[in-house]
């Protein structure tokens, strides 16, 4: 694994850990509501949905971390390709169906990480 792909994957894992915390534990707090531009009422109504979505972001973070920790380099690379690809696709879908900023917050980092891994950087 190259240094750029390793750093990019680690940053992506950290980002998804943060998103998981926001969605699972901070959704109804001022910080969570500000991050997702929510009213207190809407945040309260949707907190169980957000927690579920947060869990999936946690799975992405765990997979990305696993790809960094795997002792066999080719398996680690395959894991990185899969999980960075998942993040990229999730960013595209979120940008198309929810809010355009998701393209930049999730899709772009996913695409850059995926490219770095694919190119062996």
PDB file of N, CA and C in Angstrom:
ATOM      1  N   UNK A   1       0.846  -1.183   0.000  1.00  0.00           N
ATOM      2  CA  UNK A   1       0.000   0.000   0.000  1.00  0.00           C
ATOM      3  C   UNK A   1       0.885   1.237   0.000  1.00  0.00           C
ATOM      4  N   UNK A   2       0.505   2.183  -0.823  1.00  0.00           N
ATOM      5  CA  UNK A   2       1.238   3.425  -0.868  1.00  0.00           C
ATOM      6  C   UNK A   2       0.835   4.353   0.263  1.00  0.00           C
ATOM      7  N   UNK A   3       1.678   5.321   0.534  1.00  0.00           N
ATOM      8  CA  UNK A   3       1.429   6.250   1.636  1.00  0.00           C
ATOM      9  C   UNK A   3       0.182   7.095   1.383  1.00  0.00           C
ATOM     10  N   UNK A   4      -0.030   7.517   0.145  1.00  0.00           N
ATOM     11  CA  UNK A   4      -1.191   8.362  -0.159  1.00  0.00           C
ATOM     12  C   UNK A   4      -2.484   7.579   0.023  1.00  0.00           C
ATOM     13  N   UNK A   5      -2.531   6.363  -0.484  1.00  0.00           N
ATOM     14  CA  UNK A   5      -3.757   5.568  -0.329  1.00  0.00           C
ATOM     15  C   UNK A   5      -3.990   5.198   1.132  1.00  0.00           C
ATOM     16  N   UNK A   6      -2.925   4.951   1.876  1.00  0.00           N
ATOM     17  CA  UNK A   6      -3.065   4.636   3.299  1.00  0.00           C
ATOM     18  C   UNK A   6      -3.620   5.828   4.066  1.00  0.00           C
ATOM     19  N   UNK A   7      -3.054   6.998   3.833  1.00  0.00           N
ATOM     20  CA  UNK A   7      -3.532   8.202   4.520  1.00  0.00           C
ATOM     21  C   UNK A   7      -4.964   8.525   4.101  1.00  0.00           C
ATOM     22  N   UNK A   8      -5.253   8.434   2.810  1.00  0.00           N
ATOM     23  CA  UNK A   8      -6.605   8.730   2.322  1.00  0.00           C
ATOM     24  C   UNK A   8      -7.629   7.778   2.931  1.00  0.00           C
ATOM     25  N   UNK A   9      -7.287   6.507   3.028  1.00  0.00           N
ATOM     26  CA  UNK A   9      -8.197   5.527   3.616  1.00  0.00           C
ATOM     27  C   UNK A   9      -8.386   5.795   5.105  1.00  0.00           C
ATOM     28  N   UNK A  10      -7.320   6.152   5.799  1.00  0.00           N
ATOM     29  CA  UNK A  10      -7.422   6.463   7.229  1.00  0.00           C
ATOM     30  C   UNK A  10      -8.294   7.692   7.468  1.00  0.00           C
ATOM     31  N   UNK A  11      -8.127   8.711   6.646  1.00  0.00           N
ATOM     32  CA  UNK A  11      -8.956   9.917   6.769  1.00  0.00           C
ATOM     33  C   UNK A  11     -10.416   9.573   6.493  1.00  0.00           C
ATOM     34  N   UNK A  12     -10.660   8.761   5.493  1.00  0.00           N
ATOM     35  CA  UNK A  12     -12.024   8.341   5.162  1.00  0.00           C
ATOM     36  C   UNK A  12     -12.645   7.550   6.319  1.00  0.00           C
ATOM     37  N   UNK A  13     -11.866   6.685   6.949  1.00  0.00           N
ATOM     38  CA  UNK A  13     -12.359   5.932   8.112  1.00  0.00           C
ATOM     39  C   UNK A  13     -12.693   6.877   9.261  1.00  0.00           C
ATOM     40  N   UNK A  14     -11.833   7.856   9.498  1.00  0.00           N
ATOM     41  CA  UNK A  14     -12.089   8.830  10.563  1.00  0.00           C
ATOM     42  C   UNK A  14     -13.343   9.652  10.266  1.00  0.00           C
ATOM     43  N   UNK A  15     -13.503  10.061   9.014  1.00  0.00           N
ATOM     44  CA  UNK A  15     -14.690  10.827   8.626  1.00  0.00           C
ATOM     45  C   UNK A  15     -15.961  10.019   8.886  1.00  0.00           C
ATOM     46  N   UNK A  16     -15.950   8.757   8.538  1.00  0.00           N
ATOM     47  CA  UNK A  16     -17.152   7.940   8.718  1.00  0.00           C
ATOM     48  C   UNK A  16     -17.393   7.579  10.179  1.00  0.00           C
ATOM     49  N   UNK A  17     -16.337   7.532  10.969  1.00  0.00           N
ATOM     50  CA  UNK A  17     -16.519   7.370  12.412  1.00  0.00           C
ATOM     51  C   UNK A  17     -17.209   8.608  12.976  1.00  0.00           C
ATOM     52  N   UNK A  18     -16.774   9.781  12.543  1.00  0.00           N
ATOM     53  CA  UNK A  18     -17.388  11.031  12.991  1.00  0.00           C
ATOM     54  C   UNK A  18     -18.853  11.113  12.559  1.00  0.00           C
ATOM     55  N   UNK A  19     -19.136  10.759  11.321  1.00  0.00           N
ATOM     56  CA  UNK A  19     -20.522  10.769  10.840  1.00  0.00           C
ATOM     57  C   UNK A  19     -21.365   9.794  11.657  1.00  0.00           C
ATOM     58  N   UNK A  20     -20.803   8.631  11.969  1.00  0.00           N
ATOM     59  CA  UNK A  20     -21.519   7.656  12.794  1.00  0.00           C
ATOM     60  C   UNK A  20     -21.878   8.259  14.150  1.00  0.00           C
ATOM     61  N   UNK A  21     -20.926   8.914  14.787  1.00  0.00           N
ATOM     62  CA  UNK A  21     -21.178   9.527  16.097  1.00  0.00           C
ATOM     63  C   UNK A  21     -22.255  10.604  15.984  1.00  0.00           C
ATOM     64  N   UNK A  22     -22.164  11.436  14.957  1.00  0.00           N
ATOM     65  CA  UNK A  22     -23.189  12.467  14.754  1.00  0.00           C
ATOM     66  C   UNK A  22     -24.574  11.854  14.596  1.00  0.00           C
ATOM     67  N   UNK A  23     -24.671  10.830  13.781  1.00  0.00           N
ATOM     68  CA  UNK A  23     -25.986  10.254  13.478  1.00  0.00           C
ATOM     69  C   UNK A  23     -26.529   9.386  14.606  1.00  0.00           C
ATOM     70  N   UNK A  24     -25.657   8.674  15.308  1.00  0.00           N
ATOM     71  CA  UNK A  24     -26.143   7.758  16.341  1.00  0.00           C
ATOM     72  C   UNK A  24     -26.328   8.421  17.700  1.00  0.00           C
ATOM     73  N   UNK A  25     -25.462   9.373  18.039  1.00  0.00           N
ATOM     74  CA  UNK A  25     -25.443   9.892  19.399  1.00  0.00           C
ATOM     75  C   UNK A  25     -25.695  11.391  19.520  1.00  0.00           C
ATOM     76  N   UNK A  26     -25.466  12.144  18.468  1.00  0.00           N
ATOM     77  CA  UNK A  26     -25.570  13.607  18.556  1.00  0.00           C
ATOM     78  C   UNK A  26     -26.666  14.187  17.678  1.00  0.00           C
ATOM     79  N   UNK A  27     -27.495  13.366  17.087  1.00  0.00           N
ATOM     80  CA  UNK A  27     -28.497  13.795  16.115  1.00  0.00           C
ATOM     81  C   UNK A  27     -29.381  14.916  16.635  1.00  0.00           C
ATOM     82  N   UNK A  28     -29.841  14.810  17.874  1.00  0.00           N
ATOM     83  CA  UNK A  28     -30.785  15.799  18.419  1.00  0.00           C
ATOM     84  C   UNK A  28     -30.090  16.921  19.182  1.00  0.00           C
ATOM     85  N   UNK A  29     -28.767  16.895  19.270  1.00  0.00           N
ATOM     86  CA  UNK A  29     -28.029  17.951  19.964  1.00  0.00           C
ATOM     87  C   UNK A  29     -27.828  19.141  19.024  1.00  0.00           C
ATOM     88  N   UNK A  30     -27.469  20.292  19.572  1.00  0.00           N
ATOM     89  CA  UNK A  30     -27.198  21.439  18.690  1.00  0.00           C
ATOM     90  C   UNK A  30     -26.139  21.132  17.620  1.00  0.00           C
ATOM     91  N   UNK A  31     -25.098  20.376  17.978  1.00  0.00           N
ATOM     92  CA  UNK A  31     -24.050  20.044  16.997  1.00  0.00           C
ATOM     93  C   UNK A  31     -24.599  19.168  15.869  1.00  0.00           C
ATOM     94  N   UNK A  32     -25.354  18.164  16.226  1.00  0.00           N
ATOM     95  CA  UNK A  32     -25.940  17.281  15.219  1.00  0.00           C
ATOM     96  C   UNK A  32     -26.941  18.001  14.336  1.00  0.00           C
ATOM     97  N   UNK A  33     -27.781  18.817  14.957  1.00  0.00           N
ATOM     98  CA  UNK A  33     -28.787  19.554  14.171  1.00  0.00           C
ATOM     99  C   UNK A  33     -28.119  20.549  13.231  1.00  0.00           C
ATOM    100  N   UNK A  34     -27.043  21.178  13.686  1.00  0.00           N
ATOM    101  CA  UNK A  34     -26.342  22.134  12.824  1.00  0.00           C
ATOM    102  C   UNK A  34     -25.680  21.418  11.637  1.00  0.00           C
ATOM    103  N   UNK A  35     -25.070  20.274  11.903  1.00  0.00           N
ATOM    104  CA  UNK A  35     -24.373  19.535  10.843  1.00  0.00           C
ATOM    105  C   UNK A  35     -25.316  19.127   9.719  1.00  0.00           C
ATOM    106  N   UNK A  36     -26.559  18.792  10.096  1.00  0.00           N
ATOM    107  CA  UNK A  36     -27.507  18.299   9.101  1.00  0.00           C
ATOM    108  C   UNK A  36     -28.640  19.286   8.818  1.00  0.00           C
ATOM    109  N   UNK A  37     -28.512  20.493   9.359  1.00  0.00           N
ATOM    110  CA  UNK A  37     -29.499  21.568   9.138  1.00  0.00           C
ATOM    111  C   UNK A  37     -30.917  21.111   9.486  1.00  0.00           C
ATOM    112  N   UNK A  38     -31.089  20.684  10.730  1.00  0.00           N
ATOM    113  CA  UNK A  38     -32.364  20.132  11.181  1.00  0.00           C
ATOM    114  C   UNK A  38     -33.026  21.026  12.217  1.00  0.00           C
ATOM    115  N   UNK A  39     -34.330  21.031  12.201  1.00  0.00           N
ATOM    116  CA  UNK A  39     -35.071  21.662  13.291  1.00  0.00           C
ATOM    117  C   UNK A  39     -35.091  20.685  14.465  1.00  0.00           C
ATOM    118  N   UNK A  40     -35.256  21.183  15.682  1.00  0.00           N
ATOM    119  CA  UNK A  40     -35.340  20.269  16.827  1.00  0.00           C
ATOM    120  C   UNK A  40     -36.468  19.241  16.671  1.00  0.00           C
ATOM    121  N   UNK A  41     -37.583  19.665  16.129  1.00  0.00           N
ATOM    122  CA  UNK A  41     -38.724  18.759  15.959  1.00  0.00           C
ATOM    123  C   UNK A  41     -38.404  17.641  14.961  1.00  0.00           C
ATOM    124  N   UNK A  42     -37.831  18.019  13.833  1.00  0.00           N
ATOM    125  CA  UNK A  42     -37.508  17.015  12.818  1.00  0.00           C
ATOM    126  C   UNK A  42     -36.431  16.055  13.326  1.00  0.00           C
ATOM    127  N   UNK A  43     -35.439  16.593  14.027  1.00  0.00           N
ATOM    128  CA  UNK A  43     -34.380  15.741  14.577  1.00  0.00           C
ATOM    129  C   UNK A  43     -34.969  14.707  15.530  1.00  0.00           C
ATOM    130  N   UNK A  44     -35.874  15.130  16.370  1.00  0.00           N
ATOM    131  CA  UNK A  44     -36.506  14.206  17.320  1.00  0.00           C
ATOM    132  C   UNK A  44     -37.323  13.138  16.589  1.00  0.00           C
ATOM    133  N   UNK A  45     -38.043  13.546  15.562  1.00  0.00           N
ATOM    134  CA  UNK A  45     -38.881  12.604  14.807  1.00  0.00           C
ATOM    135  C   UNK A  45     -38.062  11.570  14.033  1.00  0.00           C
ATOM    136  N   UNK A  46     -36.856  11.924  13.665  1.00  0.00           N
ATOM    137  CA  UNK A  46     -36.055  11.056  12.788  1.00  0.00           C
ATOM    138  C   UNK A  46     -34.850  10.420  13.481  1.00  0.00           C
ATOM    139  N   UNK A  47     -34.753  10.536  14.792  1.00  0.00           N
ATOM    140  CA  UNK A  47     -33.537  10.066  15.465  1.00  0.00           C
ATOM    141  C   UNK A  47     -33.302   8.561  15.327  1.00  0.00           C
ATOM    142  N   UNK A  48     -34.353   7.755  15.284  1.00  0.00           N
ATOM    143  CA  UNK A  48     -34.123   6.311  15.119  1.00  0.00           C
ATOM    144  C   UNK A  48     -33.650   5.991  13.696  1.00  0.00           C
ATOM    145  N   UNK A  49     -34.154   6.719  12.714  1.00  0.00           N
ATOM    146  CA  UNK A  49     -33.676   6.531  11.335  1.00  0.00           C
ATOM    147  C   UNK A  49     -32.214   6.949  11.210  1.00  0.00           C
ATOM    148  N   UNK A  50     -31.871   8.066  11.849  1.00  0.00           N
ATOM    149  CA  UNK A  50     -30.492   8.551  11.800  1.00  0.00           C
ATOM    150  C   UNK A  50     -29.545   7.572  12.483  1.00  0.00           C
ATOM    151  N   UNK A  51     -29.980   7.004  13.603  1.00  0.00           N
ATOM    152  CA  UNK A  51     -29.138   6.033  14.305  1.00  0.00           C
ATOM    153  C   UNK A  51     -28.876   4.813  13.427  1.00  0.00           C
ATOM    154  N   UNK A  52     -29.877   4.376  12.704  1.00  0.00           N
ATOM    155  CA  UNK A  52     -29.707   3.247  11.793  1.00  0.00           C
ATOM    156  C   UNK A  52     -28.713   3.597  10.682  1.00  0.00           C
ATOM    157  N   UNK A  53     -28.849   4.778  10.128  1.00  0.00           N
ATOM    158  CA  UNK A  53     -27.912   5.219   9.093  1.00  0.00           C
ATOM    159  C   UNK A  53     -26.506   5.346   9.668  1.00  0.00           C
ATOM    160  N   UNK A  54     -26.422   5.836  10.903  1.00  0.00           N
ATOM    161  CA  UNK A  54     -25.125   5.947  11.561  1.00  0.00           C
ATOM    162  C   UNK A  54     -24.439   4.604  11.720  1.00  0.00           C
ATOM    163  N   UNK A  55     -25.236   3.583  12.018  1.00  0.00           N
ATOM    164  CA  UNK A  55     -24.677   2.241  12.150  1.00  0.00           C
ATOM    165  C   UNK A  55     -24.005   1.812  10.844  1.00  0.00           C
ATOM    166  N   UNK A  56     -24.641   2.095   9.723  1.00  0.00           N
ATOM    167  CA  UNK A  56     -24.056   1.739   8.427  1.00  0.00           C
ATOM    168  C   UNK A  56     -22.774   2.522   8.158  1.00  0.00           C
ATOM    169  N   UNK A  57     -22.736   3.780   8.564  1.00  0.00           N
ATOM    170  CA  UNK A  57     -21.493   4.541   8.425  1.00  0.00           C
ATOM    171  C   UNK A  57     -20.406   3.952   9.313  1.00  0.00           C
ATOM    172  N   UNK A  58     -20.808   3.430  10.466  1.00  0.00           N
ATOM    173  CA  UNK A  58     -19.853   2.735  11.325  1.00  0.00           C
ATOM    174  C   UNK A  58     -19.297   1.480  10.670  1.00  0.00           C
ATOM    175  N   UNK A  59     -20.162   0.753   9.956  1.00  0.00           N
ATOM    176  CA  UNK A  59     -19.683  -0.422   9.225  1.00  0.00           C
ATOM    177  C   UNK A  59     -18.657  -0.027   8.161  1.00  0.00           C
ATOM    178  N   UNK A  60     -18.908   1.088   7.476  1.00  0.00           N
ATOM    179  CA  UNK A  60     -17.935   1.562   6.486  1.00  0.00           C
ATOM    180  C   UNK A  60     -16.612   1.897   7.165  1.00  0.00           C
ATOM    181  N   UNK A  61     -16.677   2.602   8.288  1.00  0.00           N
ATOM    182  CA  UNK A  61     -15.458   2.956   9.020  1.00  0.00           C
ATOM    183  C   UNK A  61     -14.712   1.701   9.468  1.00  0.00           C
ATOM    184  N   UNK A  62     -15.446   0.714   9.967  1.00  0.00           N
ATOM    185  CA  UNK A  62     -14.814  -0.533  10.415  1.00  0.00           C
ATOM    186  C   UNK A  62     -14.153  -1.262   9.247  1.00  0.00           C
ATOM    187  N   UNK A  63     -14.818  -1.298   8.115  1.00  0.00           N
ATOM    188  CA  UNK A  63     -14.237  -1.951   6.944  1.00  0.00           C
ATOM    189  C   UNK A  63     -12.989  -1.245   6.452  1.00  0.00           C
ATOM    190  N   UNK A  64     -13.023   0.076   6.466  1.00  0.00           N
ATOM    191  CA  UNK A  64     -11.849   0.842   6.055  1.00  0.00           C
ATOM    192  C   UNK A  64     -10.692   0.602   7.022  1.00  0.00           C
ATOM    193  N   UNK A  65     -10.990   0.579   8.324  1.00  0.00           N
ATOM    194  CA  UNK A  65      -9.950   0.301   9.319  1.00  0.00           C
ATOM    195  C   UNK A  65      -9.400  -1.115   9.138  1.00  0.00           C
ATOM    196  N   UNK A  66     -10.284  -2.063   8.872  1.00  0.00           N
ATOM    197  CA  UNK A  66      -9.863  -3.450   8.628  1.00  0.00           C
ATOM    198  C   UNK A  66      -8.896  -3.505   7.448  1.00  0.00           C
ATOM    199  N   UNK A  67      -9.207  -2.742   6.404  1.00  0.00           N
ATOM    200  CA  UNK A  67      -8.334  -2.749   5.222  1.00  0.00           C
ATOM    201  C   UNK A  67      -6.942  -2.221   5.551  1.00  0.00           C
ATOM    202  N   UNK A  68      -6.858  -1.329   6.512  1.00  0.00           N
ATOM    203  CA  UNK A  68      -5.556  -0.788   6.907  1.00  0.00           C
ATOM    204  C   UNK A  68      -4.788  -1.752   7.812  1.00  0.00           C
ATOM    205  N   UNK A  69      -5.516  -2.581   8.547  1.00  0.00           N
ATOM    206  CA  UNK A  69      -4.884  -3.465   9.526  1.00  0.00           C
ATOM    207  C   UNK A  69      -4.585  -4.867   8.994  1.00  0.00           C
ATOM    208  N   UNK A  70      -5.146  -5.203   7.852  1.00  0.00           N
ATOM    209  CA  UNK A  70      -4.971  -6.577   7.358  1.00  0.00           C
ATOM    210  C   UNK A  70      -3.499  -6.840   7.048  1.00  0.00           C
ATOM    211  N   UNK A  71      -2.973  -7.989   7.508  1.00  0.00           N
ATOM    212  CA  UNK A  71      -1.539  -8.250   7.338  1.00  0.00           C
ATOM    213  C   UNK A  71      -1.101  -8.621   5.919  1.00  0.00           C
ATOM    214  N   UNK A  72      -2.016  -9.078   5.091  1.00  0.00           N
ATOM    215  CA  UNK A  72      -1.642  -9.450   3.722  1.00  0.00           C
ATOM    216  C   UNK A  72      -1.961  -8.290   2.784  1.00  0.00           C
ATOM    217  N   UNK A  73      -0.945  -7.779   2.121  1.00  0.00           N
ATOM    218  CA  UNK A  73      -1.098  -6.548   1.344  1.00  0.00           C
ATOM    219  C   UNK A  73      -2.124  -6.661   0.216  1.00  0.00           C
ATOM    220  N   UNK A  74      -2.190  -7.784  -0.466  1.00  0.00           N
ATOM    221  CA  UNK A  74      -3.152  -7.892  -1.573  1.00  0.00           C
ATOM    222  C   UNK A  74      -4.586  -7.949  -1.053  1.00  0.00           C
ATOM    223  N   UNK A  75      -4.803  -8.637   0.045  1.00  0.00           N
ATOM    224  CA  UNK A  75      -6.140  -8.666   0.655  1.00  0.00           C
ATOM    225  C   UNK A  75      -6.499  -7.273   1.159  1.00  0.00           C
ATOM    226  N   UNK A  76      -5.539  -6.599   1.778  1.00  0.00           N
ATOM    227  CA  UNK A  76      -5.772  -5.238   2.267  1.00  0.00           C
ATOM    228  C   UNK A  76      -6.161  -4.312   1.115  1.00  0.00           C
ATOM    229  N   UNK A  77      -5.480  -4.450  -0.010  1.00  0.00           N
ATOM    230  CA  UNK A  77      -5.795  -3.619  -1.183  1.00  0.00           C
ATOM    231  C   UNK A  77      -7.201  -3.906  -1.690  1.00  0.00           C
ATOM    232  N   UNK A  78      -7.576  -5.177  -1.753  1.00  0.00           N
ATOM    233  CA  UNK A  78      -8.927  -5.535  -2.196  1.00  0.00           C
ATOM    234  C   UNK A  78      -9.985  -4.980  -1.245  1.00  0.00           C
ATOM    235  N   UNK A  79      -9.714  -5.038   0.048  1.00  0.00           N
ATOM    236  CA  UNK A  79     -10.642  -4.460   1.027  1.00  0.00           C
ATOM    237  C   UNK A  79     -10.749  -2.949   0.840  1.00  0.00           C
ATOM    238  N   UNK A  80      -9.609  -2.305   0.623  1.00  0.00           N
ATOM    239  CA  UNK A  80      -9.624  -0.857   0.392  1.00  0.00           C
ATOM    240  C   UNK A  80     -10.426  -0.513  -0.853  1.00  0.00           C
ATOM    241  N   UNK A  81     -10.223  -1.254  -1.913  1.00  0.00           N
ATOM    242  CA  UNK A  81     -10.983  -0.992  -3.142  1.00  0.00           C
ATOM    243  C   UNK A  81     -12.481  -1.150  -2.892  1.00  0.00           C
ATOM    244  N   UNK A  82     -12.863  -2.200  -2.201  1.00  0.00           N
ATOM    245  CA  UNK A  82     -14.284  -2.434  -1.938  1.00  0.00           C
ATOM    246  C   UNK A  82     -14.875  -1.324  -1.070  1.00  0.00           C
ATOM    247  N   UNK A  83     -14.250  -1.025   0.068  1.00  0.00           N
ATOM    248  CA  UNK A  83     -14.854  -0.072   0.998  1.00  0.00           C
ATOM    249  C   UNK A  83     -14.757   1.374   0.514  1.00  0.00           C
ATOM    250  N   UNK A  84     -13.678   1.755  -0.166  1.00  0.00           N
ATOM    251  CA  UNK A  84     -13.649   3.109  -0.728  1.00  0.00           C
ATOM    252  C   UNK A  84     -14.664   3.224  -1.861  1.00  0.00           C
ATOM    253  N   UNK A  85     -14.847   2.143  -2.610  1.00  0.00           N
ATOM    254  CA  UNK A  85     -15.886   2.124  -3.649  1.00  0.00           C
ATOM    255  C   UNK A  85     -17.276   2.257  -3.057  1.00  0.00           C
ATOM    256  N   UNK A  86     -17.526   1.581  -1.940  1.00  0.00           N
ATOM    257  CA  UNK A  86     -18.827   1.710  -1.260  1.00  0.00           C
ATOM    258  C   UNK A  86     -19.081   3.150  -0.826  1.00  0.00           C
ATOM    259  N   UNK A  87     -18.056   3.788  -0.272  1.00  0.00           N
ATOM    260  CA  UNK A  87     -18.203   5.183   0.158  1.00  0.00           C
ATOM    261  C   UNK A  87     -18.499   6.073  -1.043  1.00  0.00           C
ATOM    262  N   UNK A  88     -17.784   5.870  -2.128  1.00  0.00           N
ATOM    263  CA  UNK A  88     -18.002   6.666  -3.336  1.00  0.00           C
ATOM    264  C   UNK A  88     -19.433   6.509  -3.850  1.00  0.00           C
ATOM    265  N   UNK A  89     -19.905   5.275  -3.952  1.00  0.00           N
ATOM    266  CA  UNK A  89     -21.272   5.027  -4.431  1.00  0.00           C
ATOM    267  C   UNK A  89     -22.297   5.627  -3.469  1.00  0.00           C
ATOM    268  N   UNK A  90     -22.069   5.485  -2.170  1.00  0.00           N
ATOM    269  CA  UNK A  90     -22.982   6.082  -1.190  1.00  0.00           C
ATOM    270  C   UNK A  90     -23.024   7.601  -1.347  1.00  0.00           C
ATOM    271  N   UNK A  91     -21.873   8.210  -1.621  1.00  0.00           N
ATOM    272  CA  UNK A  91     -21.832   9.652  -1.843  1.00  0.00           C
ATOM    273  C   UNK A  91     -22.577  10.070  -3.096  1.00  0.00           C
ATOM    274  N   UNK A  92     -22.434   9.299  -4.154  1.00  0.00           N
ATOM    275  CA  UNK A  92     -23.182   9.589  -5.387  1.00  0.00           C
ATOM    276  C   UNK A  92     -24.683   9.480  -5.148  1.00  0.00           C
ATOM    277  N   UNK A  93     -25.089   8.410  -4.489  1.00  0.00           N
ATOM    278  CA  UNK A  93     -26.515   8.187  -4.238  1.00  0.00           C
ATOM    279  C   UNK A  93     -27.077   9.262  -3.305  1.00  0.00           C
ATOM    280  N   UNK A  94     -26.351   9.567  -2.249  1.00  0.00           N
ATOM    281  CA  UNK A  94     -26.801  10.613  -1.328  1.00  0.00           C
ATOM    282  C   UNK A  94     -26.887  11.968  -2.005  1.00  0.00           C
ATOM    283  N   UNK A  95     -25.923  12.264  -2.862  1.00  0.00           N
ATOM    284  CA  UNK A  95     -25.952  13.524  -3.593  1.00  0.00           C
ATOM    285  C   UNK A  95     -27.112  13.611  -4.559  1.00  0.00           C
ATOM    286  N   UNK A  96     -27.474  12.484  -5.137  1.00  0.00           N
ATOM    287  CA  UNK A  96     -28.581  12.461  -6.103  1.00  0.00           C
ATOM    288  C   UNK A  96     -29.945  12.458  -5.429  1.00  0.00           C
ATOM    289  N   UNK A  97     -30.040  11.863  -4.244  1.00  0.00           N
ATOM    290  CA  UNK A  97     -31.357  11.677  -3.624  1.00  0.00           C
ATOM    291  C   UNK A  97     -31.621  12.535  -2.398  1.00  0.00           C
ATOM    292  N   UNK A  98     -30.578  12.997  -1.730  1.00  0.00           N
ATOM    293  CA  UNK A  98     -30.789  13.728  -0.477  1.00  0.00           C
ATOM    294  C   UNK A  98     -30.346  15.185  -0.581  1.00  0.00           C
ATOM    295  N   UNK A  99     -29.052  15.408  -0.724  1.00  0.00           N
ATOM    296  CA  UNK A  99     -28.524  16.776  -0.758  1.00  0.00           C
ATOM    297  C   UNK A  99     -27.216  16.786  -1.543  1.00  0.00           C
ATOM    298  N   UNK A 100     -27.052  17.778  -2.392  1.00  0.00           N
ATOM    299  CA  UNK A 100     -25.865  17.862  -3.258  1.00  0.00           C
ATOM    300  C   UNK A 100     -24.557  17.925  -2.472  1.00  0.00           C
ATOM    301  N   UNK A 101     -24.586  18.497  -1.260  1.00  0.00           N
ATOM    302  CA  UNK A 101     -23.338  18.623  -0.501  1.00  0.00           C
ATOM    303  C   UNK A 101     -22.745  17.261  -0.148  1.00  0.00           C
ATOM    304  N   UNK A 102     -23.568  16.210  -0.150  1.00  0.00           N
ATOM    305  CA  UNK A 102     -23.068  14.864   0.136  1.00  0.00           C
ATOM    306  C   UNK A 102     -22.062  14.432  -0.932  1.00  0.00           C
ATOM    307  N   UNK A 103     -22.227  14.930  -2.156  1.00  0.00           N
ATOM    308  CA  UNK A 103     -21.248  14.633  -3.209  1.00  0.00           C
ATOM    309  C   UNK A 103     -19.850  15.070  -2.793  1.00  0.00           C
ATOM    310  N   UNK A 104     -19.757  16.207  -2.110  1.00  0.00           N
ATOM    311  CA  UNK A 104     -18.462  16.759  -1.725  1.00  0.00           C
ATOM    312  C   UNK A 104     -17.977  16.213  -0.387  1.00  0.00           C
ATOM    313  N   UNK A 105     -18.900  15.953   0.532  1.00  0.00           N
ATOM    314  CA  UNK A 105     -18.525  15.490   1.863  1.00  0.00           C
ATOM    315  C   UNK A 105     -18.179  14.004   1.864  1.00  0.00           C
ATOM    316  N   UNK A 106     -18.910  13.218   1.095  1.00  0.00           N
ATOM    317  CA  UNK A 106     -18.704  11.775   1.089  1.00  0.00           C
ATOM    318  C   UNK A 106     -18.207  11.264  -0.268  1.00  0.00           C
ATOM    319  N   UNK A 107     -18.810  11.723  -1.341  1.00  0.00           N
ATOM    320  CA  UNK A 107     -18.466  11.211  -2.664  1.00  0.00           C
ATOM    321  C   UNK A 107     -17.061  11.563  -3.112  1.00  0.00           C
ATOM    322  N   UNK A 108     -16.674  12.821  -2.967  1.00  0.00           N
ATOM    323  CA  UNK A 108     -15.344  13.249  -3.414  1.00  0.00           C
ATOM    324  C   UNK A 108     -14.224  12.566  -2.626  1.00  0.00           C
ATOM    325  N   UNK A 109     -14.279  12.562  -1.278  1.00  0.00           N
ATOM    326  CA  UNK A 109     -13.229  11.825  -0.558  1.00  0.00           C
ATOM    327  C   UNK A 109     -13.196  10.336  -0.920  1.00  0.00           C
ATOM    328  N   UNK A 110     -14.373   9.754  -1.120  1.00  0.00           N
ATOM    329  CA  UNK A 110     -14.418   8.351  -1.532  1.00  0.00           C
ATOM    330  C   UNK A 110     -13.774   8.142  -2.890  1.00  0.00           C
ATOM    331  N   UNK A 111     -14.066   9.035  -3.832  1.00  0.00           N
ATOM    332  CA  UNK A 111     -13.489   8.930  -5.179  1.00  0.00           C
ATOM    333  C   UNK A 111     -11.977   9.108  -5.154  1.00  0.00           C
ATOM    334  N   UNK A 112     -11.504  10.085  -4.387  1.00  0.00           N
ATOM    335  CA  UNK A 112     -10.060  10.324  -4.308  1.00  0.00           C
ATOM    336  C   UNK A 112      -9.337   9.147  -3.659  1.00  0.00           C
ATOM    337  N   UNK A 113      -9.926   8.608  -2.606  1.00  0.00           N
ATOM    338  CA  UNK A 113      -9.324   7.442  -1.943  1.00  0.00           C
ATOM    339  C   UNK A 113      -9.326   6.232  -2.864  1.00  0.00           C
ATOM    340  N   UNK A 114     -10.448   6.011  -3.530  1.00  0.00           N
ATOM    341  CA  UNK A 114     -10.555   4.892  -4.470  1.00  0.00           C
ATOM    342  C   UNK A 114      -9.502   5.020  -5.569  1.00  0.00           C
ATOM    343  N   UNK A 115      -9.354   6.210  -6.113  1.00  0.00           N
ATOM    344  CA  UNK A 115      -8.357   6.435  -7.167  1.00  0.00           C
ATOM    345  C   UNK A 115      -6.939   6.191  -6.649  1.00  0.00           C
ATOM    346  N   UNK A 116      -6.653   6.672  -5.446  1.00  0.00           N
ATOM    347  CA  UNK A 116      -5.314   6.474  -4.876  1.00  0.00           C
ATOM    348  C   UNK A 116      -5.004   4.993  -4.700  1.00  0.00           C
ATOM    349  N   UNK A 117      -5.977   4.240  -4.215  1.00  0.00           N
ATOM    350  CA  UNK A 117      -5.775   2.794  -4.032  1.00  0.00           C
ATOM    351  C   UNK A 117      -5.620   2.110  -5.390  1.00  0.00           C
ATOM    352  N   UNK A 118      -6.502   2.434  -6.324  1.00  0.00           N
ATOM    353  CA  UNK A 118      -6.469   1.794  -7.645  1.00  0.00           C
ATOM    354  C   UNK A 118      -5.152   2.061  -8.372  1.00  0.00           C
ATOM    355  N   UNK A 119      -4.610   3.254  -8.171  1.00  0.00           N
ATOM    356  CA  UNK A 119      -3.357   3.626  -8.839  1.00  0.00           C
ATOM    357  C   UNK A 119      -2.114   3.215  -8.048  1.00  0.00           C
ATOM    358  N   UNK A 120      -2.325   2.665  -6.863  1.00  0.00           N
ATOM    359  CA  UNK A 120      -1.196   2.223  -6.042  1.00  0.00           C
ATOM    360  C   UNK A 120      -0.362   3.351  -5.486  1.00  0.00           C
ATOM    361  N   UNK A 121      -1.000   4.485  -5.254  1.00  0.00           N
ATOM    362  CA  UNK A 121      -0.265   5.648  -4.740  1.00  0.00           C
ATOM    363  C   UNK A 121      -0.015   5.559  -3.248  1.00  0.00           C
TER     364      UNK A 121
END
